[in-house]
C-alpha atoms as a PDB file:
ATOM      1  CA  MET A   1      -0.123  -0.112  -0.010  1.00  0.00           C
ATOM      2  CA  ILE A   2       2.701   2.630   0.788  1.00  0.00           C
ATOM      3  CA  GLN A   3       4.906   1.529  -2.060  1.00  0.00           C
ATOM      4  CA  ARG A   4       1.815   2.367  -4.045  1.00  0.00           C
ATOM      5  CA  LEU A   5       1.546   5.593  -2.409  1.00  0.00           C
ATOM      6  CA  ARG A   6       5.445   6.331  -3.304  1.00  0.00           C
ATOM      7  CA  LEU A   7       4.760   5.305  -6.919  1.00  0.00           C
ATOM      8  CA  SER A   8       1.758   7.254  -7.509  1.00  0.00           C
ATOM      9  CA  HIS A   9       3.923  10.081  -5.833  1.00  0.00           C
ATOM     10  CA  GLY A  10       6.501   9.719  -8.227  1.00  0.00           C
ATOM     11  CA  LEU A  11       4.573   9.644 -11.559  1.00  0.00           C
ATOM     12  CA  LEU A  12       2.686  12.810  -9.893  1.00  0.00           C
ATOM     13  CA  MET A  13       6.131  14.856  -9.784  1.00  0.00           C
ATOM     14  CA  LEU A  14       7.751  13.672 -12.993  1.00  0.00           C
ATOM     15  CA  PHE A  15       4.507  14.913 -14.931  1.00  0.00           C
ATOM     16  CA  LEU A  16       4.647  18.414 -13.120  1.00  0.00           C
ATOM     17  CA  LEU A  17       8.280  18.759 -14.056  1.00  0.00           C
ATOM     18  CA  THR A  18       6.856  17.671 -17.555  1.00  0.00           C
ATOM     19  CA  SER A  19       4.104  20.358 -17.625  1.00  0.00           C
ATOM     20  CA  ILE A  20       6.790  23.032 -16.070  1.00  0.00           C
ATOM     21  CA  ILE A  21       9.396  21.975 -18.688  1.00  0.00           C
ATOM     22  CA  SER A  22       7.238  22.482 -21.763  1.00  0.00           C
ATOM     23  CA  ALA A  23       5.697  25.765 -20.721  1.00  0.00           C
ATOM     24  CA  TRP A  24       9.398  27.371 -20.502  1.00  0.00           C
ATOM     25  CA  PRO A  25      10.046  30.055 -23.252  1.00  0.00           C
ATOM     26  CA  TRP A  26      12.685  28.789 -25.322  1.00  0.00           C
ATOM     27  CA  PRO A  27      14.996  31.758 -26.979  1.00  0.00           C
ATOM     28  CA  PRO A  28      14.716  32.798 -30.393  1.00  0.00           C
ATOM     29  CA  SER A  29      18.140  31.768 -32.100  1.00  0.00           C
ATOM     30  CA  TYR A  30      20.377  28.763 -31.178  1.00  0.00           C
ATOM     31  CA  LYS A  31      23.233  30.781 -30.270  1.00  0.00           C
ATOM     32  CA  ASP A  32      21.288  31.942 -27.507  1.00  0.00           C
ATOM     33  CA  ILE A  33      20.754  28.077 -26.287  1.00  0.00           C
ATOM     34  CA  GLU A  34      24.399  27.562 -26.872  1.00  0.00           C
ATOM     35  CA  GLY A  35      25.318  30.597 -24.476  1.00  0.00           C
ATOM     36  CA  LEU A  36      22.413  28.780 -21.776  1.00  0.00           C
ATOM     37  CA  ILE A  37      23.823  25.587 -22.314  1.00  0.00           C
ATOM     38  CA  LEU A  38      27.318  24.284 -22.544  1.00  0.00           C
ATOM     39  CA  ARG A  39      28.796  21.544 -24.297  1.00  0.00           C
ATOM     40  CA  ARG A  40      31.757  19.424 -22.789  1.00  0.00           C
ATOM     41  CA  GLN A  41      33.206  18.927 -26.120  1.00  0.00           C
ATOM     42  CA  ASP A  42      36.100  21.463 -26.705  1.00  0.00           C
ATOM     43  CA  ASN A  43      35.386  24.658 -28.712  1.00  0.00           C
ATOM     44  CA  PRO A  44      37.467  24.096 -32.039  1.00  0.00           C
ATOM     45  CA  LYS A  45      37.909  27.849 -32.303  1.00  0.00           C
ATOM     46  CA  SER A  46      39.427  27.724 -28.952  1.00  0.00           C
ATOM     47  CA  ASP A  47      41.448  25.030 -30.250  1.00  0.00           C
ATOM     48  CA  THR A  48      42.492  26.249 -33.331  1.00  0.00           C
ATOM     49  CA  SER A  49      43.354  29.452 -31.589  1.00  0.00           C
ATOM     50  CA  SER A  50      45.154  27.725 -28.625  1.00  0.00           C
ATOM     51  CA  THR A  51      46.845  25.653 -31.841  1.00  0.00           C
ATOM     52  CA  SER A  52      47.728  28.650 -33.551  1.00  0.00           C
ATOM     53  CA  SER A  53      48.985  30.740 -30.447  1.00  0.00           C
ATOM     54  CA  SER A  54      50.767  27.320 -29.474  1.00  0.00           C
ATOM     55  CA  ALA A  55      52.295  26.731 -32.851  1.00  0.00           C
ATOM     56  CA  SER A  56      53.309  30.642 -33.216  1.00  0.00           C
ATOM     57  CA  PRO A  57      55.923  30.554 -30.302  1.00  0.00           C
ATOM     58  CA  THR A  58      57.391  27.765 -31.918  1.00  0.00           C
ATOM     59  CA  LYS A  59      57.535  29.214 -35.555  1.00  0.00           C
ATOM     60  CA  THR A  60      58.820  32.319 -34.022  1.00  0.00           C
ATOM     61  CA  SER A  61      61.510  30.202 -32.024  1.00  0.00           C
ATOM     62  CA  ALA A  62      62.225  28.362 -35.333  1.00  0.00           C
ATOM     63  CA  ALA A  63      62.371  31.850 -36.828  1.00  0.00           C
ATOM     64  CA  VAL A  64      64.637  32.874 -34.295  1.00  0.00           C
ATOM     65  CA  SER A  65      66.576  29.899 -34.408  1.00  0.00           C
ATOM     66  CA  LYS A  66      66.652  30.284 -38.276  1.00  0.00           C
ATOM     67  CA  THR A  67      67.843  33.981 -37.959  1.00  0.00           C
ATOM     68  CA  THR A  68      70.106  32.755 -35.027  1.00  0.00           C
ATOM     69  CA  LYS A  69      71.416  30.200 -37.475  1.00  0.00           C
ATOM     70  CA  SER A  70      71.764  32.531 -40.596  1.00  0.00           C
ATOM     71  CA  ASP A  71      73.620  34.944 -38.651  1.00  0.00           C
ATOM     72  CA  SER A  72      75.870  32.409 -36.929  1.00  0.00           C
ATOM     73  CA  LYS A  73      76.356  30.811 -40.579  1.00  0.00           C
ATOM     74  CA  SER A  74      77.060  34.503 -41.761  1.00  0.00           C
ATOM     75  CA  ALA A  75      79.315  35.105 -38.782  1.00  0.00           C
ATOM     76  CA  SER A  76      81.036  31.638 -39.808  1.00  0.00           C
ATOM     77  CA  GLY A  77      81.378  32.256 -43.022  1.00  0.00           C
ATOM     78  CA  THR A  78      82.880  35.925 -42.725  1.00  0.00           C
ATOM     79  CA  GLY A  79      85.397  34.144 -40.040  1.00  0.00           C
ATOM     80  CA  ALA A  80      86.059  31.468 -42.492  1.00  0.00           C
ATOM     81  CA  SER A  81      86.681  33.767 -45.345  1.00  0.00           C
ATOM     82  CA  LYS A  82      88.975  36.088 -43.348  1.00  0.00           C
ATOM     83  CA  THR A  83      90.637  32.916 -42.091  1.00  0.00           C
ATOM     84  CA  ALA A  84      90.875  31.405 -45.486  1.00  0.00           C
ATOM     85  CA  LYS A  85      92.428  34.332 -46.751  1.00  0.00           C
ATOM     86  CA  ALA A  86      94.551  34.858 -43.834  1.00  0.00           C
ATOM     87  CA  SER A  87      95.587  31.422 -44.124  1.00  0.00           C
ATOM     88  CA  GLY A  88      95.988  31.993 -48.081  1.00  0.00           C
ATOM     89  CA  THR A  89      97.842  35.000 -47.279  1.00  0.00           C
ATOM     90  CA  ALA A  90     100.101  33.343 -45.043  1.00  0.00           C
ATOM     91  CA  ALA A  91     100.151  29.954 -47.388  1.00  0.00           C
ATOM     92  CA  ALA A  92     101.471  32.510 -49.753  1.00  0.00           C
ATOM     93  CA  THR A  93     103.944  34.074 -47.756  1.00  0.00           C
ATOM     94  CA  SER A  94     105.278  30.931 -46.653  1.00  0.00           C
ATOM     95  CA  GLY A  95     105.663  29.803 -50.385  1.00  0.00           C
ATOM     96  CA  ALA A  96     107.272  32.346 -51.079  1.00  0.00           C
ATOM     97  CA  ALA A  97     109.709  32.149 -48.328  1.00  0.00           C
ATOM     98  CA  ALA A  98     109.776  28.531 -49.396  1.00  0.00           C
ATOM     99  CA  SER A  99     110.638  29.284 -52.494  1.00  0.00           C
ATOM    100  CA  ALA A 100     113.371  32.126 -51.810  1.00  0.00           C
ATOM    101  CA  SER A 101     114.522  29.499 -49.867  1.00  0.00           C
ATOM    102  CA  ALA A 102     114.458  26.894 -52.539  1.00  0.00           C
ATOM    103  CA  SER A 103     116.186  29.599 -54.847  1.00  0.00           C
ATOM    104  CA  GLY A 104     119.042  30.481 -52.488  1.00  0.00           C
ATOM    105  CA  THR A 105     119.464  26.946 -51.276  1.00  0.00           C
ATOM    106  CA  GLN A 106     119.706  26.379 -55.295  1.00  0.00           C
ATOM    107  CA  LYS A 107     122.198  29.207 -56.037  1.00  0.00           C
ATOM    108  CA  ALA A 108     124.612  27.685 -52.916  1.00  0.00           C
ATOM    109  CA  ALA A 109     124.332  24.355 -54.862  1.00  0.00           C
ATOM    110  CA  ALA A 110     124.844  26.151 -57.889  1.00  0.00           C
ATOM    111  CA  THR A 111     128.334  27.760 -56.986  1.00  0.00           C
ATOM    112  CA  THR A 112     129.191  24.699 -54.377  1.00  0.00           C
ATOM    113  CA  GLN A 113     131.203  22.483 -56.254  1.00  0.00           C
ATOM    114  CA  SER A 114     132.781  18.868 -55.433  1.00  0.00           C
ATOM    115  CA  VAL A 115     136.566  18.518 -55.106  1.00  0.00           C
ATOM    116  CA  ASN A 116     138.214  15.375 -54.841  1.00  0.00           C
ATOM    117  CA  PRO A 117     140.198  15.733 -51.636  1.00  0.00           C
ATOM    118  CA  VAL A 118     143.504  13.909 -52.605  1.00  0.00           C
ATOM    119  CA  LEU A 119     144.172  17.373 -55.238  1.00  0.00           C
ATOM    120  CA  PRO A 120     146.173  19.240 -53.734  1.00  0.00           C
ATOM    121  CA  ALA A 121     145.763  23.154 -53.086  1.00  0.00           C
ATOM    122  CA  GLY A 122     146.152  25.494 -55.702  1.00  0.00           C
ATOM    123  CA  GLY A 123     149.028  27.483 -56.308  1.00  0.00           C
ATOM    124  CA  VAL A 124     151.162  30.162 -58.318  1.00  0.00           C
ATOM    125  CA  ASN A 125     153.273  29.792 -61.453  1.00  0.00           C
ATOM    126  CA  MET A 126     155.321  33.329 -62.020  1.00  0.00           C
ATOM    127  CA  ILE A 127     155.495  34.336 -65.671  1.00  0.00           C
ATOM    128  CA  THR A 128     157.781  37.836 -64.987  1.00  0.00           C
ATOM    129  CA  PRO A 129     160.073  37.255 -64.140  1.00  0.00           C
ATOM    130  CA  SER A 130     160.688  33.356 -64.790  1.00  0.00           C
ATOM    131  CA  ALA A 131     160.476  31.246 -62.750  1.00  0.00           C
ATOM    132  CA  LEU A 132     163.199  29.227 -64.043  1.00  0.00           C
ATOM    133  CA  ALA A 133     165.359  32.370 -63.867  1.00  0.00           C
ATOM    134  CA  GLN A 134     168.016  32.830 -61.471  1.00  0.00           C
ATOM    135  CA  THR A 135     167.748  35.006 -58.362  1.00  0.00           C
ATOM    136  CA  THR A 136     166.458  38.318 -59.624  1.00  0.00           C
ATOM    137  CA  TYR A 137     167.450  41.843 -58.144  1.00  0.00           C
ATOM    138  CA  TYR A 138     165.301  45.177 -58.899  1.00  0.00           C
ATOM    139  CA  LYS A 139     167.307  48.643 -58.117  1.00  0.00           C
ATOM    140  CA  ILE A 140     165.269  50.298 -55.068  1.00  0.00           C
ATOM    141  CA  GLY A 141     163.254  53.574 -56.043  1.00  0.00           C
ATOM    142  CA  ASP A 142     162.319  51.423 -59.828  1.00  0.00           C
ATOM    143  CA  TYR A 143     158.853  49.606 -60.823  1.00  0.00           C
ATOM    144  CA  VAL A 144     159.059  46.345 -60.585  1.00  0.00           C
ATOM    145  CA  SER A 145     156.688  43.791 -62.617  1.00  0.00           C
ATOM    146  CA  PHE A 146     155.229  40.719 -61.519  1.00  0.00           C
ATOM    147  CA  ALA A 147     153.118  38.846 -63.703  1.00  0.00           C
ATOM    148  CA  TRP A 148     151.670  35.165 -62.677  1.00  0.00           C
ATOM    149  CA  ASN A 149     149.401  32.191 -63.676  1.00  0.00           C
ATOM    150  CA  TYR A 150     147.254  30.066 -61.222  1.00  0.00           C
ATOM    151  CA  THR A 151     147.764  26.243 -60.882  1.00  0.00           C
ATOM    152  CA  SER A 152     145.276  23.333 -59.961  1.00  0.00           C
ATOM    153  CA  LEU A 153     142.819  25.917 -59.351  1.00  0.00           C
ATOM    154  CA  SER A 154     139.447  24.108 -58.702  1.00  0.00           C
ATOM    155  CA  ILE A 155     137.720  26.815 -56.453  1.00  0.00           C
ATOM    156  CA  THR A 156     138.140  29.958 -58.261  1.00  0.00           C
ATOM    157  CA  PRO A 157     138.403  32.523 -55.413  1.00  0.00           C
ATOM    158  CA  SER A 158     136.465  36.095 -55.459  1.00  0.00           C
ATOM    159  CA  LYS A 159     139.777  38.292 -54.290  1.00  0.00           C
ATOM    160  CA  VAL A 160     142.751  37.894 -54.020  1.00  0.00           C
ATOM    161  CA  ASP A 161     145.527  40.072 -52.095  1.00  0.00           C
ATOM    162  CA  VAL A 162     148.856  40.681 -53.088  1.00  0.00           C
ATOM    163  CA  LEU A 163     152.142  41.024 -50.523  1.00  0.00           C
ATOM    164  CA  VAL A 164     155.579  41.609 -50.180  1.00  0.00           C
ATOM    165  CA  SER A 165     157.625  40.740 -47.058  1.00  0.00           C
ATOM    166  CA  CYS A 166     160.845  41.315 -45.535  1.00  0.00           C
ATOM    167  CA  SER A 167     161.845  39.371 -42.512  1.00  0.00           C
ATOM    168  CA  ALA A 168     164.732  41.517 -42.305  1.00  0.00           C
ATOM    169  CA  ASN A 169     162.575  44.596 -40.670  1.00  0.00           C
ATOM    170  CA  SER A 170     159.724  42.086 -40.136  1.00  0.00           C
ATOM    171  CA  ALA A 171     157.678  44.776 -42.651  1.00  0.00           C
ATOM    172  CA  THR A 172     154.891  44.101 -45.196  1.00  0.00           C
ATOM    173  CA  TYR A 173     154.184  45.832 -47.986  1.00  0.00           C
ATOM    174  CA  THR A 174     150.670  45.867 -49.491  1.00  0.00           C
ATOM    175  CA  LEU A 175     150.419  45.607 -53.424  1.00  0.00           C
ATOM    176  CA  GLN A 176     147.164  45.141 -54.004  1.00  0.00           C
ATOM    177  CA  SER A 177     144.257  44.465 -51.437  1.00  0.00           C
ATOM    178  CA  ASN A 178     140.803  42.594 -52.187  1.00  0.00           C
ATOM    179  CA  ALA A 179     142.074  42.705 -56.118  1.00  0.00           C
ATOM    180  CA  SER A 180     139.268  41.037 -58.409  1.00  0.00           C
ATOM    181  CA  PHE A 181     140.219  37.470 -59.598  1.00  0.00           C
ATOM    182  CA  GLU A 182     141.764  37.190 -63.162  1.00  0.00           C
ATOM    183  CA  LYS A 183     143.069  34.281 -64.954  1.00  0.00           C
ATOM    184  CA  THR A 184     147.108  35.961 -64.948  1.00  0.00           C
ATOM    185  CA  GLY A 185     147.324  38.141 -62.310  1.00  0.00           C
ATOM    186  CA  SER A 186     149.723  41.289 -62.824  1.00  0.00           C
ATOM    187  CA  ILE A 187     150.726  44.267 -60.911  1.00  0.00           C
ATOM    188  CA  VAL A 188     153.647  47.012 -60.860  1.00  0.00           C
ATOM    189  CA  TRP A 189     154.889  47.959 -58.114  1.00  0.00           C
ATOM    190  CA  ASP A 190     156.540  51.374 -57.535  1.00  0.00           C
ATOM    191  CA  THR A 191     159.852  51.336 -55.147  1.00  0.00           C
ATOM    192  CA  SER A 192     159.973  54.618 -54.511  1.00  0.00           C
ATOM    193  CA  PRO A 193     160.563  55.776 -50.709  1.00  0.00           C
ATOM    194  CA  ASP A 194     157.528  57.893 -50.438  1.00  0.00           C
ATOM    195  CA  ILE A 195     155.728  55.058 -51.614  1.00  0.00           C
ATOM    196  CA  THR A 196     156.669  52.043 -49.597  1.00  0.00           C
ATOM    197  CA  GLY A 197     156.011  54.075 -46.642  1.00  0.00           C
ATOM    198  CA  THR A 198     157.425  54.220 -42.969  1.00  0.00           C
ATOM    199  CA  ALA A 199     159.726  51.132 -43.464  1.00  0.00           C
ATOM    200  CA  PRO A 200     162.302  51.796 -45.975  1.00  0.00           C
ATOM    201  CA  LEU A 201     163.202  48.953 -48.150  1.00  0.00           C
ATOM    202  CA  LEU A 202     166.556  47.617 -47.613  1.00  0.00           C
ATOM    203  CA  THR A 203     169.272  45.760 -49.538  1.00  0.00           C
ATOM    204  CA  GLU A 204     167.383  42.689 -48.903  1.00  0.00           C
ATOM    205  CA  THR A 205     165.693  39.535 -50.144  1.00  0.00           C
ATOM    206  CA  TYR A 206     161.863  39.898 -50.209  1.00  0.00           C
ATOM    207  CA  THR A 207     159.269  37.561 -50.894  1.00  0.00           C
ATOM    208  CA  LEU A 208     156.142  37.673 -53.071  1.00  0.00           C
ATOM    209  CA  VAL A 209     152.926  36.913 -51.160  1.00  0.00           C
ATOM    210  CA  ILE A 210     149.554  35.643 -53.089  1.00  0.00           C
ATOM    211  CA  TYR A 211     146.919  34.406 -51.179  1.00  0.00           C
ATOM    212  CA  ASP A 212     142.659  34.026 -50.997  1.00  0.00           C
ATOM    213  CA  ALA A 213     141.532  37.749 -49.444  1.00  0.00           C
ATOM    214  CA  GLN A 214     138.405  35.624 -47.778  1.00  0.00           C
ATOM    215  CA  GLU A 215     141.134  33.754 -46.259  1.00  0.00           C
ATOM    216  CA  ALA A 216     143.210  34.069 -43.759  1.00  0.00           C
ATOM    217  CA  ILE A 217     147.304  34.234 -44.620  1.00  0.00           C
ATOM    218  CA  THR A 218     147.376  31.831 -42.133  1.00  0.00           C
ATOM    219  CA  GLU A 219     145.021  29.318 -43.211  1.00  0.00           C
ATOM    220  CA  VAL A 220     145.688  25.984 -44.190  1.00  0.00           C
ATOM    221  CA  ALA A 221     143.768  25.575 -47.867  1.00  0.00           C
ATOM    222  CA  SER A 222     141.828  22.534 -48.633  1.00  0.00           C
ATOM    223  CA  ALA A 223     142.088  20.535 -52.160  1.00  0.00           C
ATOM    224  CA  GLY A 224     141.428  22.846 -55.162  1.00  0.00           C
ATOM    225  CA  LYS A 225     141.775  26.394 -53.182  1.00  0.00           C
ATOM    226  CA  LEU A 226     144.104  29.081 -53.464  1.00  0.00           C
ATOM    227  CA  GLY A 227     146.582  28.362 -50.760  1.00  0.00           C
ATOM    228  CA  VAL A 228     149.401  30.947 -50.057  1.00  0.00           C
ATOM    229  CA  SER A 229     151.817  31.376 -52.229  1.00  0.00           C
ATOM    230  CA  ASP A 230     155.177  32.571 -51.108  1.00  0.00           C
ATOM    231  CA  ASP A 231     157.392  30.668 -53.050  1.00  0.00           C
ATOM    232  CA  PHE A 232     159.361  33.453 -55.320  1.00  0.00           C
ATOM    233  CA  THR A 233     161.756  35.151 -53.863  1.00  0.00           C
ATOM    234  CA  PHE A 234     164.011  38.034 -55.130  1.00  0.00           C
ATOM    235  CA  GLY A 235     166.644  40.679 -54.120  1.00  0.00           C
ATOM    236  CA  MET A 236     166.661  45.042 -54.012  1.00  0.00           C
ATOM    237  CA  TYR A 237     169.503  46.647 -53.413  1.00  0.00           C
ATOM    238  CA  ILE A 238     170.465  50.609 -53.012  1.00  0.00           C
ATOM    239  CA  PRO A 239     171.923  52.048 -55.854  1.00  0.00           C
ATOM    240  CA  GLN A 240     175.006  53.802 -55.242  1.00  0.00           C
ATOM    241  CA  LYS A 241     176.764  56.827 -57.176  1.00  0.00           C
ATOM    242  CA  TYR A 242     178.622  56.541 -60.289  1.00  0.00           C
ATOM    243  CA  THR A 243     182.720  56.652 -59.394  1.00  0.00           C
ATOM    244  CA  PRO A 244     184.812  56.340 -62.416  1.00  0.00           C
ATOM    245  CA  LEU A 245     187.103  53.510 -62.983  1.00  0.00           C
ATOM    246  CA  ALA A 246     190.600  55.581 -62.058  1.00  0.00           C
ATOM    247  CA  ASP A 247     188.984  56.990 -58.948  1.00  0.00           C
ATOM    248  CA  TRP A 248     187.624  53.767 -57.787  1.00  0.00           C
ATOM    249  CA  THR A 249     189.541  52.080 -55.123  1.00  0.00           C
ATOM    250  CA  CYS A 250     188.963  48.040 -53.784  1.00  0.00           C
ATOM    251  CA  ALA A 251     188.820  48.362 -50.062  1.00  0.00           C
ATOM    252  CA  VAL A 252     189.341  44.233 -49.836  1.00  0.00           C
ATOM    253  CA  CYS A 253     191.584  44.102 -52.560  1.00  0.00           C
ATOM    254  CA  SER A 254     195.662  44.091 -52.330  1.00  0.00           C
ATOM    255  CA  ALA A 255     198.575  43.146 -55.225  1.00  0.00           C
ATOM    256  CA  ALA A 256     201.067  42.978 -52.561  1.00  0.00           C
ATOM    257  CA  LEU A 257     201.662  39.668 -49.966  1.00  0.00           C
ATOM    258  CA  SER A 258     201.725  40.460 -46.452  1.00  0.00           C
ATOM    259  CA  ASP A 259     204.223  39.291 -44.121  1.00  0.00           C
ATOM    260  CA  THR A 260     201.783  36.366 -43.117  1.00  0.00           C
ATOM    261  CA  GLU A 261     201.323  34.928 -46.503  1.00  0.00           C
ATOM    262  CA  ARG A 262     205.044  35.113 -47.166  1.00  0.00           C
ATOM    263  CA  GLN A 263     206.069  33.250 -44.233  1.00  0.00           C
ATOM    264  CA  ALA A 264     203.721  30.616 -45.038  1.00  0.00           C
ATOM    265  CA  LEU A 265     205.132  30.254 -48.711  1.00  0.00           C
ATOM    266  CA  LYS A 266     208.283  30.027 -47.400  1.00  0.00           C
ATOM    267  CA  PHE A 267     207.739  27.383 -44.942  1.00  0.00           C
ATOM    268  CA  MET A 268     205.501  25.608 -47.353  1.00  0.00           C
ATOM    269  CA  PHE A 269     208.564  25.433 -50.515  1.00  0.00           C
ATOM    270  CA  GLY A 270     210.693  24.980 -47.845  1.00  0.00           C
ATOM    271  CA  MET A 271     208.725  21.058 -46.086  1.00  0.00           C
ATOM    272  CA  CYS A 272     208.258  20.590 -50.019  1.00  0.00           C
ATOM    273  CA  ILE A 273     211.946  20.170 -50.559  1.00  0.00           C
ATOM    274  CA  VAL A 274     212.901  17.915 -46.954  1.00  0.00           C
ATOM    275  CA  THR A 275     210.524  15.795 -48.296  1.00  0.00           C
ATOM    276  CA  VAL A 276     212.104  14.975 -51.583  1.00  0.00           C
ATOM    277  CA  LEU A 277     215.075  14.931 -50.123  1.00  0.00           C
ATOM    278  CA  SER A 278     214.179  12.966 -47.564  1.00  0.00           C
ATOM    279  CA  PHE A 279     212.436   9.900 -49.478  1.00  0.00           C
ATOM    280  CA  THR A 280     215.414   9.846 -52.113  1.00  0.00           C
ATOM    281  CA  TRP A 281     217.989   9.182 -49.439  1.00  0.00           C
ATOM    282  CA  PHE A 282     215.587   6.869 -47.789  1.00  0.00           C
ATOM    283  CA  VAL A 283     215.180   4.698 -51.400  1.00  0.00           C
ATOM    284  CA  SER A 284     218.475   4.888 -52.986  1.00  0.00           C
ATOM    285  CA  GLY A 285     220.830   4.882 -49.770  1.00  0.00           C
ATOM    286  CA  ILE A 286     222.627   8.532 -51.411  1.00  0.00           C
ATOM    287  CA  PHE A 287     223.766  10.939 -49.058  1.00  0.00           C
END
């Protein structure tokens, strides 16, 4: 009984609710209904705007990233071009230096000659005066001429020095200094007292010295190079005034014999006579 009352009461309430809903005034447009009734599904516009808004920062960040990348590429390209230019300039400089070094090496190699180490050092052969002539004497104050050839010379010197030395007064007279090399050397020496300098020439023997100007005079020459040539010697004398033969007197000459010389002759002849007589008596028994 109670259940029936409850059921009837429920049906009555449902009927009243249905009557109220049917009598409720509806809005004139569908849009107003959308404003009154909210749907559960998401709004496509808001989804689109949110999607576009969320995609926009991505595009912006991508654009910024592209710009940054392009800037970095530009900067890296500029740096790379500068580095390439610098490296190209450095390579060109190093190439020029290498070519200059190679050229210098080639020049040095061209001027360097290989010489057999068993070969003798270069020397000098006199032409004037002749090497076969006896000792030559020159008058002090005259012009003295020398000429020579080089022998056993494999490496040609660029400059030569020519000296004359005298051991009596320990003096050295420079005839040529740093003279250009010639196959046949020659020089004319003025032996006047005002030319020879503070060390006057003496009546003595002199030595002609010829050597490579780039080497020391005490240097021992290697094979094929010009050594110190000091083999040629000559004499020089101070001329005396002319004296007529009638007025000339020999200081060490005498026509007469001295007492000592006469006594020596007497003793020699006496010993000869005694020796002959003694031998004759011994052999023949005469006397």
